[in-house]
Amino acid sequence: MRIALMNEFSQASKNAVVLEQLEAVGQQQGHEIFNVGMKDDDDHRLTYIHLGIISALLLNSKAVDFVVSGCGTGQGALMSLNAYPGVVCGYCIDPADAYLFAQINDGNALALPFAKGFGWGAELNVRYIFEKAFTGETGLGYPPERRESQNANAVILNDVKAATNKPIVEALKALPEDLVKQAVGGAQFQECFFSNSQSEELSALVKSWIS
């Protein structure tokens, strides 16, 4: 599985800590990790609004399979990511959240608080979160006897989102161009996206913004 890590500007100092734990778990499980920013020394500024755009492009193009995002509280990233079709983001503050989201909702993104509650032992908490999120089969239900109804509801919710959202290309084209250009202007995002995108349409769209 390909997993992208991203965080907004206010939490750039946490990027290295979170990346270290994500890479440790990813290496154990055979996942490929992409750090798309922003790092502490990165001058390409990203807000949680930009994280939603980046996540939508990476997931809808199948450049990555999963996104780990974060801001101060995690709430802004959660709302921003969930604004787009093809993105199912859960809010996660502890390993139980990660496990239950993986088993019940079986989404493709997490939003974590990288300021609120991020104190002593925070690196252990995020490591255990990643272990629960990315180890083993997902969508098994919790408790197991509720798997059938939970899986059915996850499909229904995805159908509802598809019905109420614009198609991804139409949605992105409707955004202010300066907002989108800032989102896709980072070198780390571009490297991950263009190396792995399986959508010619989305690749062409991103190229039009950075040319």
N, C-alpha and C. Protein backbone atom coordinates (compact mmCIF):
# COMPACT_ATOMS: atom_id res chain seq x y z
N MET A 1 0.84 -1.19 0.00
CA MET A 1 0.00 0.00 0.00
C MET A 1 0.89 1.25 0.00
N ARG A 2 0.48 2.26 -0.75
CA ARG A 2 1.17 3.54 -0.78
C ARG A 2 0.43 4.52 0.13
N ILE A 3 1.16 5.11 1.06
CA ILE A 3 0.57 6.00 2.06
C ILE A 3 1.26 7.35 1.99
N ALA A 4 0.48 8.43 1.93
CA ALA A 4 1.02 9.79 1.91
C ALA A 4 0.79 10.45 3.26
N LEU A 5 1.81 11.12 3.76
CA LEU A 5 1.72 11.91 4.98
C LEU A 5 1.71 13.38 4.61
N MET A 6 0.81 14.15 5.25
CA MET A 6 0.77 15.58 5.01
C MET A 6 0.29 16.30 6.26
N ASN A 7 0.75 17.53 6.43
CA ASN A 7 0.30 18.35 7.55
C ASN A 7 0.35 19.81 7.14
N GLU A 8 -0.41 20.64 7.84
CA GLU A 8 -0.44 22.06 7.50
C GLU A 8 0.76 22.78 8.12
N PHE A 9 0.90 24.09 7.77
CA PHE A 9 2.07 24.87 8.16
C PHE A 9 2.26 24.97 9.67
N SER A 10 1.16 25.05 10.42
CA SER A 10 1.28 25.25 11.86
C SER A 10 1.88 24.04 12.57
N GLN A 11 1.87 22.89 11.90
CA GLN A 11 2.38 21.66 12.50
C GLN A 11 3.59 21.10 11.76
N ALA A 12 4.28 21.96 11.03
CA ALA A 12 5.44 21.51 10.27
C ALA A 12 6.53 20.93 11.17
N SER A 13 6.62 21.44 12.39
CA SER A 13 7.64 20.95 13.30
C SER A 13 7.39 19.51 13.74
N LYS A 14 6.15 19.04 13.57
CA LYS A 14 5.81 17.66 13.97
C LYS A 14 6.03 16.66 12.84
N ASN A 15 6.29 17.16 11.63
CA ASN A 15 6.36 16.28 10.47
C ASN A 15 7.39 15.18 10.63
N ALA A 16 8.58 15.53 11.09
CA ALA A 16 9.65 14.54 11.20
C ALA A 16 9.32 13.47 12.23
N VAL A 17 8.70 13.87 13.33
CA VAL A 17 8.33 12.92 14.38
C VAL A 17 7.30 11.92 13.87
N VAL A 18 6.27 12.44 13.22
CA VAL A 18 5.21 11.58 12.70
C VAL A 18 5.73 10.69 11.58
N LEU A 19 6.53 11.27 10.70
CA LEU A 19 7.09 10.50 9.58
C LEU A 19 7.93 9.33 10.08
N GLU A 20 8.73 9.56 11.10
CA GLU A 20 9.58 8.50 11.64
C GLU A 20 8.75 7.30 12.09
N GLN A 21 7.64 7.57 12.77
CA GLN A 21 6.78 6.49 13.26
C GLN A 21 6.03 5.81 12.11
N LEU A 22 5.57 6.60 11.16
CA LEU A 22 4.85 6.03 10.01
C LEU A 22 5.77 5.16 9.17
N GLU A 23 7.01 5.60 8.97
CA GLU A 23 7.95 4.81 8.20
C GLU A 23 8.33 3.52 8.93
N ALA A 24 8.43 3.60 10.25
CA ALA A 24 8.76 2.39 11.02
C ALA A 24 7.68 1.33 10.86
N VAL A 25 6.42 1.75 10.97
CA VAL A 25 5.31 0.82 10.79
C VAL A 25 5.20 0.38 9.34
N GLY A 26 5.37 1.32 8.42
CA GLY A 26 5.30 0.99 7.00
C GLY A 26 6.34 -0.02 6.58
N GLN A 27 7.54 0.11 7.11
CA GLN A 27 8.61 -0.84 6.79
C GLN A 27 8.26 -2.24 7.28
N GLN A 28 7.70 -2.34 8.46
CA GLN A 28 7.30 -3.64 9.02
C GLN A 28 6.23 -4.30 8.17
N GLN A 29 5.30 -3.49 7.63
CA GLN A 29 4.16 -4.03 6.92
C GLN A 29 4.32 -4.02 5.40
N GLY A 30 5.44 -3.51 4.91
CA GLY A 30 5.68 -3.50 3.47
C GLY A 30 4.97 -2.39 2.73
N HIS A 31 4.62 -1.30 3.43
CA HIS A 31 3.97 -0.16 2.80
C HIS A 31 5.01 0.86 2.33
N GLU A 32 4.67 1.58 1.28
CA GLU A 32 5.54 2.63 0.76
C GLU A 32 5.03 3.98 1.26
N ILE A 33 5.91 4.77 1.85
CA ILE A 33 5.52 6.03 2.49
C ILE A 33 6.01 7.21 1.67
N PHE A 34 5.13 8.19 1.46
CA PHE A 34 5.48 9.43 0.78
C PHE A 34 5.21 10.61 1.71
N ASN A 35 6.21 11.43 1.92
CA ASN A 35 6.05 12.63 2.74
C ASN A 35 5.82 13.80 1.80
N VAL A 36 4.58 14.26 1.69
CA VAL A 36 4.27 15.32 0.73
C VAL A 36 4.22 16.70 1.39
N GLY A 37 4.66 16.80 2.63
CA GLY A 37 4.82 18.09 3.28
C GLY A 37 3.68 18.44 4.24
N MET A 38 3.89 19.50 5.00
CA MET A 38 5.12 20.24 4.83
C MET A 38 6.09 19.98 5.98
N LYS A 39 7.39 19.98 5.63
CA LYS A 39 8.44 19.75 6.60
C LYS A 39 8.79 21.05 7.31
N ASP A 40 9.57 20.93 8.38
CA ASP A 40 9.90 22.09 9.20
C ASP A 40 10.67 23.14 8.42
N ASP A 41 11.49 22.70 7.45
CA ASP A 41 12.29 23.64 6.67
C ASP A 41 11.69 23.93 5.30
N ASP A 42 10.43 23.57 5.12
CA ASP A 42 9.75 23.73 3.84
C ASP A 42 9.11 25.11 3.79
N ASP A 43 9.42 25.88 2.75
CA ASP A 43 8.83 27.21 2.64
C ASP A 43 7.59 27.23 1.76
N HIS A 44 7.15 26.05 1.30
CA HIS A 44 5.91 25.99 0.51
C HIS A 44 4.75 25.81 1.49
N ARG A 45 4.04 26.88 1.78
CA ARG A 45 3.04 26.92 2.84
C ARG A 45 1.75 26.20 2.45
N LEU A 46 1.33 25.30 3.33
CA LEU A 46 0.08 24.56 3.13
C LEU A 46 -0.83 24.78 4.34
N THR A 47 -2.10 25.07 4.08
CA THR A 47 -3.11 25.09 5.13
C THR A 47 -3.92 23.81 5.05
N TYR A 48 -4.82 23.61 6.02
CA TYR A 48 -5.65 22.40 5.93
C TYR A 48 -6.58 22.42 4.72
N ILE A 49 -6.84 23.61 4.18
CA ILE A 49 -7.62 23.69 2.93
C ILE A 49 -6.85 23.04 1.79
N HIS A 50 -5.57 23.33 1.72
CA HIS A 50 -4.73 22.72 0.68
C HIS A 50 -4.62 21.21 0.85
N LEU A 51 -4.61 20.75 2.10
CA LEU A 51 -4.51 19.30 2.34
C LEU A 51 -5.67 18.55 1.69
N GLY A 52 -6.86 19.14 1.72
CA GLY A 52 -8.02 18.50 1.09
C GLY A 52 -7.83 18.34 -0.40
N ILE A 53 -7.32 19.39 -1.04
CA ILE A 53 -7.09 19.35 -2.49
C ILE A 53 -6.04 18.29 -2.84
N ILE A 54 -4.94 18.31 -2.10
CA ILE A 54 -3.86 17.34 -2.35
C ILE A 54 -4.35 15.92 -2.15
N SER A 55 -5.10 15.69 -1.08
CA SER A 55 -5.61 14.34 -0.81
C SER A 55 -6.54 13.88 -1.92
N ALA A 56 -7.42 14.77 -2.37
CA ALA A 56 -8.36 14.41 -3.43
C ALA A 56 -7.63 14.00 -4.70
N LEU A 57 -6.58 14.72 -5.03
CA LEU A 57 -5.81 14.40 -6.24
C LEU A 57 -5.06 13.08 -6.08
N LEU A 58 -4.42 12.89 -4.95
CA LEU A 58 -3.63 11.67 -4.75
C LEU A 58 -4.51 10.43 -4.71
N LEU A 59 -5.66 10.52 -4.04
CA LEU A 59 -6.52 9.34 -3.90
C LEU A 59 -7.33 9.06 -5.16
N ASN A 60 -7.87 10.10 -5.79
CA ASN A 60 -8.68 9.88 -6.99
C ASN A 60 -7.84 9.47 -8.20
N SER A 61 -6.57 9.84 -8.20
CA SER A 61 -5.69 9.42 -9.29
C SER A 61 -5.06 8.06 -9.00
N LYS A 62 -5.31 7.55 -7.80
CA LYS A 62 -4.71 6.29 -7.33
C LYS A 62 -3.19 6.38 -7.23
N ALA A 63 -2.68 7.60 -7.07
CA ALA A 63 -1.25 7.77 -6.82
C ALA A 63 -0.88 7.17 -5.47
N VAL A 64 -1.80 7.27 -4.51
CA VAL A 64 -1.63 6.61 -3.21
C VAL A 64 -2.93 5.91 -2.86
N ASP A 65 -2.84 5.02 -1.88
CA ASP A 65 -4.01 4.27 -1.43
C ASP A 65 -4.60 4.84 -0.15
N PHE A 66 -3.78 5.60 0.59
CA PHE A 66 -4.22 6.10 1.89
C PHE A 66 -3.48 7.40 2.20
N VAL A 67 -4.17 8.28 2.93
CA VAL A 67 -3.59 9.56 3.32
C VAL A 67 -3.66 9.71 4.83
N VAL A 68 -2.55 10.11 5.43
CA VAL A 68 -2.52 10.52 6.83
C VAL A 68 -2.33 12.03 6.85
N SER A 69 -3.31 12.74 7.38
CA SER A 69 -3.26 14.20 7.39
C SER A 69 -3.32 14.71 8.83
N GLY A 70 -3.03 15.99 9.00
CA GLY A 70 -3.11 16.54 10.33
C GLY A 70 -3.01 18.05 10.35
N CYS A 71 -3.65 18.63 11.37
CA CYS A 71 -3.52 20.05 11.64
C CYS A 71 -3.49 20.19 13.17
N GLY A 72 -3.75 21.38 13.69
CA GLY A 72 -3.67 21.56 15.13
C GLY A 72 -4.62 20.66 15.91
N THR A 73 -5.89 20.72 15.57
CA THR A 73 -6.90 19.88 16.24
C THR A 73 -7.25 18.64 15.45
N GLY A 74 -6.92 18.61 14.16
CA GLY A 74 -7.34 17.53 13.28
C GLY A 74 -8.70 17.76 12.65
N GLN A 75 -9.47 18.68 13.23
CA GLN A 75 -10.84 18.90 12.75
C GLN A 75 -10.87 19.59 11.39
N GLY A 76 -10.01 20.58 11.19
CA GLY A 76 -9.98 21.27 9.90
C GLY A 76 -9.59 20.34 8.78
N ALA A 77 -8.56 19.52 9.03
CA ALA A 77 -8.14 18.54 8.02
C ALA A 77 -9.27 17.56 7.72
N LEU A 78 -9.96 17.11 8.77
CA LEU A 78 -11.08 16.18 8.59
C LEU A 78 -12.13 16.75 7.66
N MET A 79 -12.56 17.98 7.92
CA MET A 79 -13.60 18.60 7.11
C MET A 79 -13.12 18.87 5.69
N SER A 80 -11.87 19.32 5.57
CA SER A 80 -11.34 19.64 4.25
C SER A 80 -11.23 18.39 3.37
N LEU A 81 -10.72 17.31 3.92
CA LEU A 81 -10.58 16.08 3.14
C LEU A 81 -11.93 15.51 2.75
N ASN A 82 -12.88 15.53 3.68
CA ASN A 82 -14.19 14.93 3.41
C ASN A 82 -15.05 15.75 2.46
N ALA A 83 -14.58 16.93 2.07
CA ALA A 83 -15.33 17.76 1.13
C ALA A 83 -15.30 17.19 -0.29
N TYR A 84 -14.41 16.24 -0.56
CA TYR A 84 -14.17 15.79 -1.93
C TYR A 84 -14.67 14.36 -2.17
N PRO A 85 -15.10 14.09 -3.40
CA PRO A 85 -15.47 12.71 -3.75
C PRO A 85 -14.24 11.82 -3.72
N GLY A 86 -14.46 10.56 -3.41
CA GLY A 86 -13.36 9.61 -3.41
C GLY A 86 -12.48 9.65 -2.18
N VAL A 87 -12.82 10.50 -1.21
CA VAL A 87 -12.05 10.61 0.03
C VAL A 87 -12.98 10.31 1.20
N VAL A 88 -12.62 9.32 2.01
CA VAL A 88 -13.39 8.97 3.21
C VAL A 88 -12.43 9.06 4.39
N CYS A 89 -12.52 10.17 5.11
CA CYS A 89 -11.56 10.49 6.16
C CYS A 89 -12.17 10.34 7.54
N GLY A 90 -11.43 9.72 8.44
CA GLY A 90 -11.86 9.56 9.82
C GLY A 90 -11.01 10.39 10.76
N TYR A 91 -11.59 10.74 11.92
CA TYR A 91 -10.89 11.51 12.94
C TYR A 91 -10.28 10.55 13.93
N CYS A 92 -9.00 10.74 14.24
CA CYS A 92 -8.29 9.74 15.02
C CYS A 92 -7.41 10.39 16.08
N ILE A 93 -7.68 10.09 17.36
CA ILE A 93 -6.85 10.61 18.43
C ILE A 93 -6.14 9.52 19.22
N ASP A 94 -6.54 8.26 19.01
CA ASP A 94 -5.87 7.17 19.71
C ASP A 94 -5.97 5.88 18.89
N PRO A 95 -5.23 4.85 19.28
CA PRO A 95 -5.21 3.61 18.49
C PRO A 95 -6.58 2.95 18.33
N ALA A 96 -7.45 3.08 19.35
CA ALA A 96 -8.79 2.50 19.22
C ALA A 96 -9.56 3.16 18.08
N ASP A 97 -9.42 4.49 17.93
CA ASP A 97 -10.06 5.18 16.81
C ASP A 97 -9.59 4.60 15.48
N ALA A 98 -8.28 4.40 15.37
CA ALA A 98 -7.71 3.88 14.13
C ALA A 98 -8.25 2.49 13.82
N TYR A 99 -8.29 1.65 14.82
CA TYR A 99 -8.76 0.28 14.62
C TYR A 99 -10.25 0.26 14.23
N LEU A 100 -11.06 1.00 14.96
CA LEU A 100 -12.50 0.99 14.69
C LEU A 100 -12.83 1.61 13.34
N PHE A 101 -12.11 2.67 12.97
CA PHE A 101 -12.32 3.28 11.65
C PHE A 101 -11.98 2.28 10.55
N ALA A 102 -10.87 1.57 10.71
CA ALA A 102 -10.45 0.60 9.70
C ALA A 102 -11.45 -0.54 9.58
N GLN A 103 -11.98 -1.01 10.70
CA GLN A 103 -12.87 -2.17 10.68
C GLN A 103 -14.31 -1.81 10.34
N ILE A 104 -14.79 -0.66 10.80
CA ILE A 104 -16.20 -0.30 10.60
C ILE A 104 -16.40 0.55 9.35
N ASN A 105 -15.58 1.58 9.18
CA ASN A 105 -15.79 2.53 8.09
C ASN A 105 -14.94 2.23 6.86
N ASP A 106 -13.78 1.60 7.08
CA ASP A 106 -12.91 1.15 5.99
C ASP A 106 -12.64 2.28 4.99
N GLY A 107 -12.25 3.46 5.52
CA GLY A 107 -11.98 4.60 4.67
C GLY A 107 -10.57 4.62 4.13
N ASN A 108 -10.16 5.77 3.57
CA ASN A 108 -8.85 5.86 2.94
C ASN A 108 -8.04 7.06 3.42
N ALA A 109 -8.44 7.65 4.54
CA ALA A 109 -7.69 8.79 5.07
C ALA A 109 -7.96 8.96 6.56
N LEU A 110 -6.98 9.51 7.25
CA LEU A 110 -7.12 9.85 8.66
C LEU A 110 -6.72 11.30 8.88
N ALA A 111 -7.40 11.96 9.82
CA ALA A 111 -7.03 13.30 10.26
C ALA A 111 -6.66 13.22 11.73
N LEU A 112 -5.44 13.64 12.07
CA LEU A 112 -4.94 13.56 13.44
C LEU A 112 -4.69 14.94 14.00
N PRO A 113 -4.87 15.12 15.32
CA PRO A 113 -4.47 16.37 15.96
C PRO A 113 -2.98 16.36 16.24
N PHE A 114 -2.25 17.30 15.66
CA PHE A 114 -0.81 17.35 15.85
C PHE A 114 -0.39 18.44 16.83
N ALA A 115 -1.37 19.13 17.45
CA ALA A 115 -1.07 20.11 18.49
C ALA A 115 -1.83 19.75 19.76
N LYS A 116 -3.15 19.67 19.67
CA LYS A 116 -3.97 19.35 20.83
C LYS A 116 -3.66 17.94 21.35
N GLY A 117 -3.20 17.86 22.59
CA GLY A 117 -2.91 16.57 23.18
C GLY A 117 -1.61 15.94 22.72
N PHE A 118 -0.83 16.66 21.94
CA PHE A 118 0.41 16.11 21.38
C PHE A 118 1.56 16.44 22.33
N GLY A 119 1.63 15.72 23.43
CA GLY A 119 2.63 15.99 24.45
C GLY A 119 3.55 14.83 24.69
N TRP A 120 3.82 14.56 25.96
CA TRP A 120 4.74 13.49 26.34
C TRP A 120 4.19 12.14 25.85
N GLY A 121 5.03 11.39 25.15
CA GLY A 121 4.61 10.09 24.62
C GLY A 121 3.82 10.17 23.33
N ALA A 122 3.76 11.36 22.71
CA ALA A 122 2.96 11.51 21.49
C ALA A 122 3.47 10.62 20.37
N GLU A 123 4.80 10.45 20.30
CA GLU A 123 5.35 9.61 19.22
C GLU A 123 4.91 8.16 19.38
N LEU A 124 4.73 7.71 20.63
CA LEU A 124 4.23 6.35 20.86
C LEU A 124 2.78 6.23 20.44
N ASN A 125 1.99 7.26 20.74
CA ASN A 125 0.58 7.23 20.38
C ASN A 125 0.40 7.14 18.86
N VAL A 126 1.14 7.97 18.11
CA VAL A 126 0.97 7.93 16.65
C VAL A 126 1.48 6.61 16.07
N ARG A 127 2.54 6.07 16.67
CA ARG A 127 3.02 4.77 16.19
C ARG A 127 1.96 3.69 16.38
N TYR A 128 1.33 3.66 17.56
CA TYR A 128 0.29 2.66 17.82
C TYR A 128 -0.94 2.90 16.94
N ILE A 129 -1.23 4.17 16.67
CA ILE A 129 -2.31 4.49 15.73
C ILE A 129 -2.03 3.86 14.37
N PHE A 130 -0.80 4.05 13.87
CA PHE A 130 -0.46 3.52 12.55
C PHE A 130 -0.46 1.99 12.55
N GLU A 131 -0.04 1.40 13.64
CA GLU A 131 -0.08 -0.07 13.71
C GLU A 131 -1.51 -0.59 13.60
N LYS A 132 -2.44 0.06 14.26
CA LYS A 132 -3.84 -0.37 14.22
C LYS A 132 -4.49 -0.03 12.88
N ALA A 133 -4.06 1.06 12.27
CA ALA A 133 -4.66 1.49 11.00
C ALA A 133 -4.20 0.65 9.82
N PHE A 134 -2.95 0.18 9.86
CA PHE A 134 -2.35 -0.41 8.67
C PHE A 134 -1.91 -1.86 8.82
N THR A 135 -2.32 -2.50 9.89
CA THR A 135 -1.96 -3.89 10.09
C THR A 135 -3.18 -4.78 9.93
N GLY A 136 -3.10 -5.78 9.06
CA GLY A 136 -4.17 -6.74 8.90
C GLY A 136 -5.26 -6.28 7.95
N GLU A 137 -6.27 -7.10 7.83
CA GLU A 137 -7.38 -6.85 6.92
C GLU A 137 -8.32 -5.82 7.52
N THR A 138 -8.85 -4.95 6.67
CA THR A 138 -9.81 -3.94 7.12
C THR A 138 -11.23 -4.36 6.75
N GLY A 139 -12.20 -3.64 7.29
CA GLY A 139 -13.60 -3.89 6.97
C GLY A 139 -14.17 -5.16 7.56
N LEU A 140 -13.57 -5.66 8.64
CA LEU A 140 -14.05 -6.90 9.25
C LEU A 140 -15.20 -6.67 10.22
N GLY A 141 -15.49 -5.41 10.52
CA GLY A 141 -16.59 -5.10 11.43
C GLY A 141 -16.18 -5.16 12.88
N TYR A 142 -16.88 -4.37 13.69
CA TYR A 142 -16.68 -4.45 15.14
C TYR A 142 -17.99 -4.07 15.83
N PRO A 143 -18.48 -4.95 16.69
CA PRO A 143 -18.04 -6.34 16.86
C PRO A 143 -18.28 -7.14 15.56
N PRO A 144 -17.59 -8.27 15.42
CA PRO A 144 -17.63 -9.00 14.15
C PRO A 144 -19.04 -9.34 13.66
N GLU A 145 -19.96 -9.59 14.58
CA GLU A 145 -21.31 -9.97 14.16
C GLU A 145 -22.06 -8.82 13.49
N ARG A 146 -21.53 -7.60 13.57
CA ARG A 146 -22.18 -6.46 12.92
C ARG A 146 -21.54 -6.12 11.58
N ARG A 147 -20.65 -7.00 11.11
CA ARG A 147 -19.91 -6.71 9.89
C ARG A 147 -20.83 -6.45 8.70
N GLU A 148 -21.82 -7.28 8.52
CA GLU A 148 -22.68 -7.18 7.33
C GLU A 148 -23.37 -5.81 7.26
N SER A 149 -23.98 -5.38 8.35
CA SER A 149 -24.68 -4.10 8.34
C SER A 149 -23.71 -2.93 8.22
N GLN A 150 -22.56 -3.04 8.86
CA GLN A 150 -21.58 -1.96 8.79
C GLN A 150 -21.01 -1.81 7.39
N ASN A 151 -20.71 -2.91 6.74
CA ASN A 151 -20.21 -2.85 5.37
C ASN A 151 -21.26 -2.29 4.42
N ALA A 152 -22.51 -2.67 4.64
CA ALA A 152 -23.59 -2.17 3.81
C ALA A 152 -23.75 -0.66 3.97
N ASN A 153 -23.66 -0.19 5.21
CA ASN A 153 -23.79 1.25 5.45
C ASN A 153 -22.62 2.03 4.88
N ALA A 154 -21.42 1.45 4.90
CA ALA A 154 -20.26 2.11 4.31
C ALA A 154 -20.46 2.30 2.81
N VAL A 155 -21.01 1.30 2.15
CA VAL A 155 -21.29 1.40 0.72
C VAL A 155 -22.36 2.46 0.46
N ILE A 156 -23.41 2.46 1.27
CA ILE A 156 -24.49 3.44 1.11
C ILE A 156 -23.95 4.86 1.28
N LEU A 157 -23.11 5.06 2.29
CA LEU A 157 -22.55 6.39 2.52
C LEU A 157 -21.69 6.84 1.34
N ASN A 158 -20.91 5.93 0.78
CA ASN A 158 -20.12 6.27 -0.40
C ASN A 158 -21.01 6.64 -1.57
N ASP A 159 -22.13 5.94 -1.72
CA ASP A 159 -23.08 6.26 -2.79
C ASP A 159 -23.73 7.62 -2.56
N VAL A 160 -24.04 7.93 -1.31
CA VAL A 160 -24.61 9.24 -0.98
C VAL A 160 -23.62 10.34 -1.33
N LYS A 161 -22.35 10.13 -0.97
CA LYS A 161 -21.33 11.14 -1.25
C LYS A 161 -21.16 11.33 -2.75
N ALA A 162 -21.17 10.24 -3.50
CA ALA A 162 -21.04 10.34 -4.96
C ALA A 162 -22.21 11.10 -5.56
N ALA A 163 -23.40 10.92 -4.98
CA ALA A 163 -24.59 11.58 -5.49
C ALA A 163 -24.61 13.07 -5.16
N THR A 164 -24.04 13.43 -4.03
CA THR A 164 -24.11 14.83 -3.58
C THR A 164 -22.89 15.65 -3.96
N ASN A 165 -21.80 15.01 -4.36
CA ASN A 165 -20.58 15.71 -4.79
C ASN A 165 -20.56 15.90 -6.30
N LYS A 166 -19.87 16.94 -6.74
CA LYS A 166 -19.54 17.05 -8.15
C LYS A 166 -18.46 16.01 -8.48
N PRO A 167 -18.37 15.58 -9.73
CA PRO A 167 -17.23 14.75 -10.13
C PRO A 167 -15.93 15.47 -9.81
N ILE A 168 -14.87 14.72 -9.53
CA ILE A 168 -13.64 15.30 -9.00
C ILE A 168 -13.05 16.38 -9.91
N VAL A 169 -13.00 16.16 -11.20
CA VAL A 169 -12.42 17.16 -12.10
C VAL A 169 -13.26 18.42 -12.10
N GLU A 170 -14.56 18.27 -12.16
CA GLU A 170 -15.46 19.42 -12.13
C GLU A 170 -15.32 20.18 -10.80
N ALA A 171 -15.21 19.44 -9.72
CA ALA A 171 -15.07 20.07 -8.40
C ALA A 171 -13.78 20.88 -8.31
N LEU A 172 -12.68 20.30 -8.78
CA LEU A 172 -11.40 21.00 -8.71
C LEU A 172 -11.37 22.23 -9.61
N LYS A 173 -11.97 22.13 -10.78
CA LYS A 173 -12.00 23.27 -11.70
C LYS A 173 -12.86 24.41 -11.16
N ALA A 174 -13.80 24.09 -10.25
CA ALA A 174 -14.67 25.12 -9.68
C ALA A 174 -13.98 25.92 -8.57
N LEU A 175 -12.83 25.46 -8.12
CA LEU A 175 -12.11 26.14 -7.04
C LEU A 175 -11.33 27.34 -7.58
N PRO A 176 -11.06 28.33 -6.71
CA PRO A 176 -10.21 29.45 -7.13
C PRO A 176 -8.84 28.94 -7.59
N GLU A 177 -8.39 29.41 -8.74
CA GLU A 177 -7.17 28.88 -9.33
C GLU A 177 -5.95 29.10 -8.45
N ASP A 178 -5.89 30.25 -7.75
CA ASP A 178 -4.72 30.50 -6.91
C ASP A 178 -4.66 29.54 -5.74
N LEU A 179 -5.82 29.11 -5.25
CA LEU A 179 -5.87 28.14 -4.15
C LEU A 179 -5.34 26.78 -4.60
N VAL A 180 -5.76 26.36 -5.77
CA VAL A 180 -5.33 25.06 -6.30
C VAL A 180 -3.85 25.08 -6.67
N LYS A 181 -3.39 26.17 -7.27
CA LYS A 181 -1.99 26.26 -7.66
C LYS A 181 -1.07 26.20 -6.45
N GLN A 182 -1.48 26.82 -5.34
CA GLN A 182 -0.68 26.74 -4.12
C GLN A 182 -0.65 25.31 -3.59
N ALA A 183 -1.78 24.63 -3.66
CA ALA A 183 -1.85 23.26 -3.16
C ALA A 183 -0.92 22.32 -3.92
N VAL A 184 -0.87 22.47 -5.23
CA VAL A 184 -0.10 21.52 -6.06
C VAL A 184 1.31 22.00 -6.36
N GLY A 185 1.70 23.14 -5.79
CA GLY A 185 2.99 23.72 -6.14
C GLY A 185 4.18 23.12 -5.44
N GLY A 186 3.96 22.29 -4.45
CA GLY A 186 5.07 21.72 -3.70
C GLY A 186 5.78 20.61 -4.44
N ALA A 187 7.10 20.59 -4.33
CA ALA A 187 7.91 19.59 -5.04
C ALA A 187 7.63 18.18 -4.53
N GLN A 188 7.38 18.04 -3.24
CA GLN A 188 7.15 16.71 -2.67
C GLN A 188 5.83 16.12 -3.17
N PHE A 189 4.80 16.97 -3.25
CA PHE A 189 3.53 16.50 -3.81
C PHE A 189 3.70 16.10 -5.26
N GLN A 190 4.34 16.95 -6.03
CA GLN A 190 4.49 16.69 -7.47
C GLN A 190 5.25 15.40 -7.73
N GLU A 191 6.28 15.15 -6.95
CA GLU A 191 7.05 13.92 -7.14
C GLU A 191 6.19 12.69 -6.88
N CYS A 192 5.43 12.72 -5.80
CA CYS A 192 4.56 11.59 -5.47
C CYS A 192 3.46 11.43 -6.51
N PHE A 193 2.83 12.53 -6.88
CA PHE A 193 1.69 12.49 -7.79
C PHE A 193 2.09 12.01 -9.18
N PHE A 194 3.07 12.66 -9.78
CA PHE A 194 3.41 12.33 -11.17
C PHE A 194 4.09 10.97 -11.30
N SER A 195 4.72 10.50 -10.24
CA SER A 195 5.36 9.18 -10.29
C SER A 195 4.35 8.04 -10.20
N ASN A 196 3.18 8.33 -9.66
CA ASN A 196 2.24 7.25 -9.35
C ASN A 196 0.82 7.43 -9.88
N SER A 197 0.48 8.61 -10.39
CA SER A 197 -0.88 8.85 -10.86
C SER A 197 -1.28 7.88 -11.96
N GLN A 198 -2.48 7.35 -11.84
CA GLN A 198 -3.03 6.45 -12.86
C GLN A 198 -4.15 7.12 -13.65
N SER A 199 -4.29 8.43 -13.47
CA SER A 199 -5.34 9.17 -14.17
C SER A 199 -4.72 10.19 -15.11
N GLU A 200 -4.84 9.96 -16.40
CA GLU A 200 -4.30 10.90 -17.37
C GLU A 200 -5.01 12.24 -17.28
N GLU A 201 -6.30 12.21 -16.99
CA GLU A 201 -7.09 13.44 -16.91
C GLU A 201 -6.63 14.31 -15.75
N LEU A 202 -6.45 13.70 -14.58
CA LEU A 202 -6.00 14.47 -13.42
C LEU A 202 -4.55 14.91 -13.59
N SER A 203 -3.72 14.08 -14.19
CA SER A 203 -2.33 14.45 -14.42
C SER A 203 -2.24 15.67 -15.34
N ALA A 204 -3.05 15.66 -16.39
CA ALA A 204 -3.06 16.79 -17.31
C ALA A 204 -3.55 18.05 -16.62
N LEU A 205 -4.53 17.89 -15.74
CA LEU A 205 -5.07 19.04 -15.02
C LEU A 205 -4.01 19.66 -14.11
N VAL A 206 -3.30 18.83 -13.38
CA VAL A 206 -2.25 19.34 -12.49
C VAL A 206 -1.16 20.00 -13.30
N LYS A 207 -0.77 19.40 -14.42
CA LYS A 207 0.26 20.00 -15.28
C LYS A 207 -0.17 21.40 -15.77
N SER A 208 -1.45 21.57 -16.02
CA SER A 208 -1.94 22.87 -16.50
C SER A 208 -1.82 23.93 -15.41
N TRP A 209 -1.86 23.52 -14.15
CA TRP A 209 -1.75 24.46 -13.04
C TRP A 209 -0.32 24.84 -12.73
N ILE A 210 0.63 23.98 -13.05
CA ILE A 210 2.02 24.25 -12.67
C ILE A 210 2.88 24.70 -13.84
N SER A 211 2.30 24.70 -15.04
CA SER A 211 3.08 25.09 -16.22
C SER A 211 3.19 26.62 -16.31
